[in-house]
């Protein structure tokens, strides 16, 4: 009974070989998968070509976004560089700044302008006290009238003596004296006429007029202030100028050019002027003045560029950029 039960519990040999076959199959599958993985992971030359091709195609796709901007910028800068041989900054100035001074010592009676006012040629801007010179005009006029009376008297006297001299009633010497007296009276009248013109000139100088069409840059005096033609030293003396004015349509750019760049500049050379305050504004100009002497300490030479057709955007003493163009 016991032997029979042991025989039933014993594993047949065919059943014992079956797990070994399954195990071998599993190991075989694992080995194949490993070989396949190694095969796929092993680097090949074709993969490098594929990567390079992909990279090139990616660059070609990205390039068009930036490509249109680069040529445009390059073309603009090239155009500017081709036209300009030198770019220098300077300051806008009035070509002529006029300070009007009195011709003699006087007192300001009235001033009719202020800073920034526009004036025209021959416009009255200052009136000096003219009481003294008006009196001199009257005095000179009286002297001239007296001289004319003296001439009339001398002419009558000379006429009478001339008739008497013809009949030998008066001597020749008396006739000569009468003729000389007449000439002296005429000379005195001429002198009186000159003094009258001088007095009128001084009276006219009491009225100060603008010599140009322009703008008042500075108002240097006030009413009732003493003024004189020139200063004799000191800072507390009378004013020597009444107003300063300039023509706003006559502007230049004053620049200092390095001596190494002087070969690029010549008289009447065309320029392009752009104020720093309004860089979008561009004005034509030309080289109007080259200083005859350099500044040794700076190693520069002063150049003045005349601005053609300036407008209200150009303000004196502001900075501006000047491009010197090729001929």
Protein backbone atom coordinates (compact mmCIF):
# COMPACT_ATOMS: atom_id res chain seq x y z
CA UNK A 1 0.00 0.00 0.00
CA UNK A 2 2.84 2.29 0.94
CA UNK A 3 4.80 1.47 -2.17
CA UNK A 4 1.81 2.20 -4.34
CA UNK A 5 1.38 5.62 -2.77
CA UNK A 6 5.06 6.48 -3.27
CA UNK A 7 4.79 5.51 -6.93
CA UNK A 8 1.88 7.87 -7.35
CA UNK A 9 3.82 10.75 -5.77
CA UNK A 10 6.93 10.22 -8.00
CA UNK A 11 7.33 12.80 -10.89
CA UNK A 12 7.55 11.27 -14.32
CA UNK A 13 10.80 11.96 -16.31
CA UNK A 14 8.95 13.61 -19.16
CA UNK A 15 7.52 16.17 -16.70
CA UNK A 16 10.99 16.83 -15.36
CA UNK A 17 12.36 17.77 -18.86
CA UNK A 18 9.54 20.16 -19.70
CA UNK A 19 10.68 23.03 -17.37
CA UNK A 20 14.17 22.80 -18.72
CA UNK A 21 12.86 23.41 -22.23
CA UNK A 22 10.83 26.42 -21.10
CA UNK A 23 13.84 27.85 -19.36
CA UNK A 24 15.92 27.45 -22.47
CA UNK A 25 13.25 29.21 -24.53
CA UNK A 26 13.17 32.11 -22.08
CA UNK A 27 16.95 32.49 -22.14
CA UNK A 28 16.90 32.37 -25.94
CA UNK A 29 14.29 35.17 -26.14
CA UNK A 30 16.28 37.30 -23.69
CA UNK A 31 19.44 36.80 -25.73
CA UNK A 32 17.69 37.78 -28.96
CA UNK A 33 16.24 40.92 -27.38
CA UNK A 34 19.68 41.90 -26.08
CA UNK A 35 21.25 41.41 -29.48
CA UNK A 36 18.52 43.47 -31.10
CA UNK A 37 19.02 46.27 -28.61
CA UNK A 38 22.79 46.28 -29.15
CA UNK A 39 22.23 46.28 -32.91
CA UNK A 40 19.93 49.26 -32.79
CA UNK A 41 22.14 51.19 -30.36
CA UNK A 42 25.38 50.59 -32.28
CA UNK A 43 26.46 53.93 -34.02
CA UNK A 44 26.53 53.88 -37.82
CA UNK A 45 27.72 56.40 -40.49
CA UNK A 46 24.23 56.72 -41.91
CA UNK A 47 22.98 58.07 -38.57
CA UNK A 48 25.55 60.92 -38.75
CA UNK A 49 24.41 61.83 -42.21
CA UNK A 50 20.81 61.78 -41.05
CA UNK A 51 21.58 64.07 -38.09
CA UNK A 52 23.46 66.53 -40.24
CA UNK A 53 20.62 66.60 -42.74
CA UNK A 54 18.10 67.25 -40.00
CA UNK A 55 20.25 70.00 -38.56
CA UNK A 56 20.58 71.65 -41.94
CA UNK A 57 16.87 71.45 -42.58
CA UNK A 58 16.20 73.00 -39.15
CA UNK A 59 18.59 75.87 -39.86
CA UNK A 60 16.98 76.44 -43.22
CA UNK A 61 13.61 76.69 -41.53
CA UNK A 62 14.87 79.13 -38.87
CA UNK A 63 16.95 81.29 -41.23
CA UNK A 64 14.17 83.11 -43.16
CA UNK A 65 12.90 84.82 -39.99
CA UNK A 66 16.13 86.83 -39.54
CA UNK A 67 17.33 86.91 -43.13
CA UNK A 68 15.16 89.80 -44.44
CA UNK A 69 16.37 92.21 -41.71
CA UNK A 70 20.07 91.71 -42.18
CA UNK A 71 20.34 92.72 -45.85
CA UNK A 72 18.17 95.82 -45.29
CA UNK A 73 20.32 97.06 -42.42
CA UNK A 74 23.52 96.30 -44.25
CA UNK A 75 22.31 98.17 -47.31
CA UNK A 76 21.33 101.27 -45.30
CA UNK A 77 24.63 101.46 -43.46
CA UNK A 78 26.52 100.89 -46.66
CA UNK A 79 24.63 103.69 -48.38
CA UNK A 80 25.33 106.14 -45.56
CA UNK A 81 28.99 105.14 -45.42
CA UNK A 82 29.31 105.53 -49.17
CA UNK A 83 28.01 109.11 -48.99
CA UNK A 84 29.74 110.32 -45.82
CA UNK A 85 33.50 110.51 -45.43
CA UNK A 86 33.47 112.02 -41.92
CA UNK A 87 30.93 112.64 -39.14
CA UNK A 88 31.63 115.25 -36.46
CA UNK A 89 29.46 116.92 -33.81
CA UNK A 90 29.44 120.67 -33.16
CA UNK A 91 27.27 123.55 -32.04
CA UNK A 92 24.77 125.67 -33.95
CA UNK A 93 25.70 129.37 -33.93
CA UNK A 94 24.55 132.59 -35.52
CA UNK A 95 26.86 133.57 -38.34
CA UNK A 96 26.80 137.15 -37.09
CA UNK A 97 25.85 138.26 -33.58
CA UNK A 98 25.32 142.02 -33.51
CA UNK A 99 25.55 144.01 -30.28
CA UNK A 100 24.21 147.53 -30.74
CA UNK A 101 26.00 150.20 -28.72
CA UNK A 102 25.31 153.94 -28.39
CA UNK A 103 27.60 156.39 -30.16
CA UNK A 104 27.91 158.67 -27.13
CA UNK A 105 27.24 158.81 -23.41
CA UNK A 106 23.50 158.94 -22.81
CA UNK A 107 20.52 157.77 -20.80
CA UNK A 108 18.00 155.20 -22.03
CA UNK A 109 14.62 156.90 -22.25
CA UNK A 110 12.66 154.01 -23.79
CA UNK A 111 13.35 150.47 -24.98
CA UNK A 112 10.69 148.75 -27.02
CA UNK A 113 11.92 145.16 -27.33
CA UNK A 114 12.55 142.17 -25.13
CA UNK A 115 14.41 138.91 -25.51
CA UNK A 116 12.99 136.77 -28.29
CA UNK A 117 11.21 139.59 -30.14
CA UNK A 118 11.38 139.65 -33.92
CA UNK A 119 12.51 142.95 -35.42
CA UNK A 120 12.75 144.30 -38.95
CA UNK A 121 15.40 146.41 -40.63
CA UNK A 122 15.25 150.11 -39.56
CA UNK A 123 12.74 149.36 -36.79
CA UNK A 124 13.12 151.65 -33.73
CA UNK A 125 14.15 149.55 -30.72
CA UNK A 126 15.71 152.05 -28.26
CA UNK A 127 15.26 155.77 -27.66
CA UNK A 128 17.91 157.75 -25.76
CA UNK A 129 17.24 161.01 -23.96
CA UNK A 130 17.59 163.63 -26.73
CA UNK A 131 16.83 166.89 -24.88
CA UNK A 132 20.44 168.10 -25.07
CA UNK A 133 20.85 167.35 -28.76
CA UNK A 134 17.48 168.84 -29.62
CA UNK A 135 18.67 172.07 -27.98
CA UNK A 136 21.89 171.90 -29.98
CA UNK A 137 19.88 171.63 -33.16
CA UNK A 138 17.96 174.78 -32.29
CA UNK A 139 21.21 176.54 -31.41
CA UNK A 140 22.84 175.54 -34.66
CA UNK A 141 19.77 176.57 -36.60
CA UNK A 142 19.91 180.03 -35.01
CA UNK A 143 23.59 180.35 -35.87
CA UNK A 144 22.87 179.48 -39.47
CA UNK A 145 20.07 182.02 -39.66
CA UNK A 146 22.41 184.70 -38.29
CA UNK A 147 25.04 183.73 -40.84
CA UNK A 148 22.52 184.08 -43.64
CA UNK A 149 21.56 187.56 -42.38
CA UNK A 150 25.22 188.51 -42.30
CA UNK A 151 25.58 187.35 -45.89
CA UNK A 152 22.63 189.48 -46.97
CA UNK A 153 24.08 192.53 -45.21
CA UNK A 154 27.53 191.93 -46.70
CA UNK A 155 26.04 191.58 -50.19
CA UNK A 156 24.21 194.96 -49.84
CA UNK A 157 27.34 196.64 -48.53
CA UNK A 158 29.45 195.22 -51.28
CA UNK A 159 26.93 196.33 -53.93
CA UNK A 160 26.90 199.94 -52.72
CA UNK A 161 30.68 200.21 -52.48
CA UNK A 162 31.09 198.64 -55.90
CA UNK A 163 28.92 201.38 -57.48
CA UNK A 164 30.79 204.10 -55.62
CA UNK A 165 34.11 202.63 -56.62
CA UNK A 166 33.10 202.82 -60.29
CA UNK A 167 32.71 206.63 -59.89
CA UNK A 168 35.89 206.84 -57.82
CA UNK A 169 33.95 207.91 -54.74
CA UNK A 170 35.22 204.91 -52.79
CA UNK A 171 38.73 203.58 -52.98
CA UNK A 172 39.69 200.18 -54.31
CA UNK A 173 40.75 199.10 -50.82
CA UNK A 174 37.27 199.73 -49.45
CA UNK A 175 35.84 197.66 -52.29
CA UNK A 176 38.23 194.81 -51.49
CA UNK A 177 37.31 194.94 -47.82
CA UNK A 178 33.61 194.72 -48.66
CA UNK A 179 34.25 191.76 -50.97
CA UNK A 180 36.23 189.92 -48.28
CA UNK A 181 33.54 190.65 -45.71
CA UNK A 182 30.98 189.04 -47.99
CA UNK A 183 33.18 185.96 -48.46
CA UNK A 184 33.69 185.73 -44.69
CA UNK A 185 29.94 185.86 -44.10
CA UNK A 186 29.38 183.10 -46.60
CA UNK A 187 32.06 180.96 -44.93
CA UNK A 188 30.45 181.53 -41.55
CA UNK A 189 27.13 180.42 -42.99
CA UNK A 190 28.71 177.26 -44.35
CA UNK A 191 30.19 176.51 -40.93
CA UNK A 192 26.83 177.13 -39.25
CA UNK A 193 25.16 174.81 -41.72
CA UNK A 194 27.72 172.11 -40.86
CA UNK A 195 27.13 172.53 -37.14
CA UNK A 196 23.42 172.21 -37.74
CA UNK A 197 23.91 168.96 -39.67
CA UNK A 198 26.14 167.64 -36.87
CA UNK A 199 23.53 168.51 -34.25
CA UNK A 200 20.85 166.79 -36.31
CA UNK A 201 23.07 163.73 -36.67
CA UNK A 202 23.54 163.46 -32.91
CA UNK A 203 19.80 163.93 -32.48
CA UNK A 204 19.17 161.12 -34.96
CA UNK A 205 21.65 158.89 -33.10
CA UNK A 206 19.42 159.15 -30.04
CA UNK A 207 17.00 156.89 -31.93
CA UNK A 208 18.47 153.37 -32.15
CA UNK A 209 17.22 151.26 -35.07
CA UNK A 210 17.72 147.62 -35.94
CA UNK A 211 20.30 147.22 -38.73
CA UNK A 212 18.89 143.87 -39.92
CA UNK A 213 15.84 141.64 -39.91
CA UNK A 214 16.41 139.39 -36.92
CA UNK A 215 15.59 138.28 -33.39
CA UNK A 216 16.59 139.92 -30.11
CA UNK A 217 19.01 137.58 -28.36
CA UNK A 218 19.57 139.71 -25.25
CA UNK A 219 18.18 142.86 -23.72
CA UNK A 220 21.16 144.42 -21.97
CA UNK A 221 19.77 147.69 -20.55
CA UNK A 222 16.70 149.07 -18.83
CA UNK A 223 15.01 152.50 -19.05
CA UNK A 224 16.81 155.34 -17.20
CA UNK A 225 20.10 153.43 -17.35
CA UNK A 226 23.29 155.24 -18.34
CA UNK A 227 25.04 153.85 -21.42
CA UNK A 228 28.27 154.67 -23.21
CA UNK A 229 30.14 153.55 -26.35
CA UNK A 230 32.98 151.72 -24.60
CA UNK A 231 34.15 150.62 -21.19
CA UNK A 232 37.26 151.99 -19.54
CA UNK A 233 37.68 149.10 -17.11
CA UNK A 234 35.85 147.82 -14.07
CA UNK A 235 32.59 145.97 -13.74
CA UNK A 236 30.41 148.72 -12.27
CA UNK A 237 30.62 151.18 -15.13
CA UNK A 238 27.85 152.09 -17.59
CA UNK A 239 26.61 149.48 -20.03
CA UNK A 240 28.36 149.46 -23.39
CA UNK A 241 25.65 147.65 -25.37
CA UNK A 242 21.91 148.05 -25.60
CA UNK A 243 20.72 144.82 -27.22
CA UNK A 244 22.17 141.80 -29.01
CA UNK A 245 20.44 140.44 -32.09
CA UNK A 246 21.04 138.06 -34.98
CA UNK A 247 19.41 136.77 -38.13
CA UNK A 248 17.73 133.39 -37.38
CA UNK A 249 17.94 132.47 -41.07
CA UNK A 250 21.72 132.79 -41.13
CA UNK A 251 23.02 129.87 -39.06
CA UNK A 252 26.20 127.82 -39.03
CA UNK A 253 27.57 124.79 -37.23
CA UNK A 254 30.90 125.39 -35.52
CA UNK A 255 33.00 122.25 -35.11
CA UNK A 256 36.56 121.35 -34.17
CA UNK A 257 38.04 118.78 -36.54
CA UNK A 258 40.97 116.58 -35.59
CA UNK A 259 44.05 117.30 -37.66
CA UNK A 260 44.11 113.68 -38.84
CA UNK A 261 40.77 114.24 -40.63
CA UNK A 262 41.55 117.55 -42.34
CA UNK A 263 42.37 115.86 -45.63
CA UNK A 264 38.70 114.83 -45.91
CA UNK A 265 37.42 118.43 -45.80
CA UNK A 266 37.55 121.20 -48.40
CA UNK A 267 35.91 124.58 -48.98
CA UNK A 268 32.31 124.47 -50.31
CA UNK A 269 32.14 120.75 -49.62
CA UNK A 270 28.55 119.52 -49.32
CA UNK A 271 27.39 118.47 -45.85
CA UNK A 272 24.37 116.99 -44.12
CA UNK A 273 23.34 118.61 -40.81
CA UNK A 274 21.11 116.97 -38.21
CA UNK A 275 20.34 118.58 -34.82
CA UNK A 276 20.75 116.26 -31.85
CA UNK A 277 17.37 117.40 -30.49
CA UNK A 278 15.59 116.39 -33.71
CA UNK A 279 17.65 113.58 -35.30
CA UNK A 280 14.95 112.98 -37.92
CA UNK A 281 15.46 116.52 -39.29
CA UNK A 282 18.16 116.74 -41.97
CA UNK A 283 19.40 119.99 -43.55
CA UNK A 284 21.76 120.63 -46.43
CA UNK A 285 24.89 122.67 -45.88
CA UNK A 286 28.38 123.41 -47.13
CA UNK A 287 31.77 124.26 -45.69
CA UNK A 288 31.83 128.05 -45.47
CA UNK A 289 34.95 128.71 -43.40
CA UNK A 290 38.17 126.91 -42.52
CA UNK A 291 40.18 128.61 -39.79
CA UNK A 292 43.61 129.79 -40.94
CA UNK A 293 45.21 128.69 -37.67
CA UNK A 294 44.95 125.46 -35.66
CA UNK A 295 44.65 124.98 -31.92
CA UNK A 296 47.97 123.47 -30.88
CA UNK A 297 46.77 122.34 -27.45
CA UNK A 298 43.81 120.42 -28.88
CA UNK A 299 45.31 119.40 -32.21
CA UNK A 300 42.17 120.60 -33.97
CA UNK A 301 41.12 123.11 -36.60
CA UNK A 302 37.86 125.06 -36.46
CA UNK A 303 35.43 124.51 -39.33
CA UNK A 304 32.17 126.38 -39.92
CA UNK A 305 29.40 124.77 -41.96
CA UNK A 306 26.73 127.07 -43.41
CA UNK A 307 23.20 125.67 -43.01
CA UNK A 308 21.01 126.12 -46.06
CA UNK A 309 17.33 127.00 -45.49
CA UNK A 310 17.22 126.67 -41.67
CA UNK A 311 13.90 126.70 -39.80
CA UNK A 312 12.63 127.12 -36.23
CA UNK A 313 13.86 123.65 -35.23
CA UNK A 314 17.45 124.92 -35.30
CA UNK A 315 18.31 126.78 -32.09
CA UNK A 316 21.70 128.47 -31.60
CA UNK A 317 24.05 126.89 -29.05
CA UNK A 318 22.42 123.45 -29.36
CA UNK A 319 24.51 120.55 -30.65
CA UNK A 320 24.24 119.13 -34.14
CA UNK A 321 25.83 116.31 -36.14
CA UNK A 322 27.53 117.08 -39.44
CA UNK A 323 28.21 114.48 -42.13
CA UNK A 324 30.82 115.60 -44.67
CA UNK A 325 29.84 114.10 -48.00
CA UNK A 326 31.94 112.92 -50.89
CA UNK A 327 32.29 115.33 -53.81
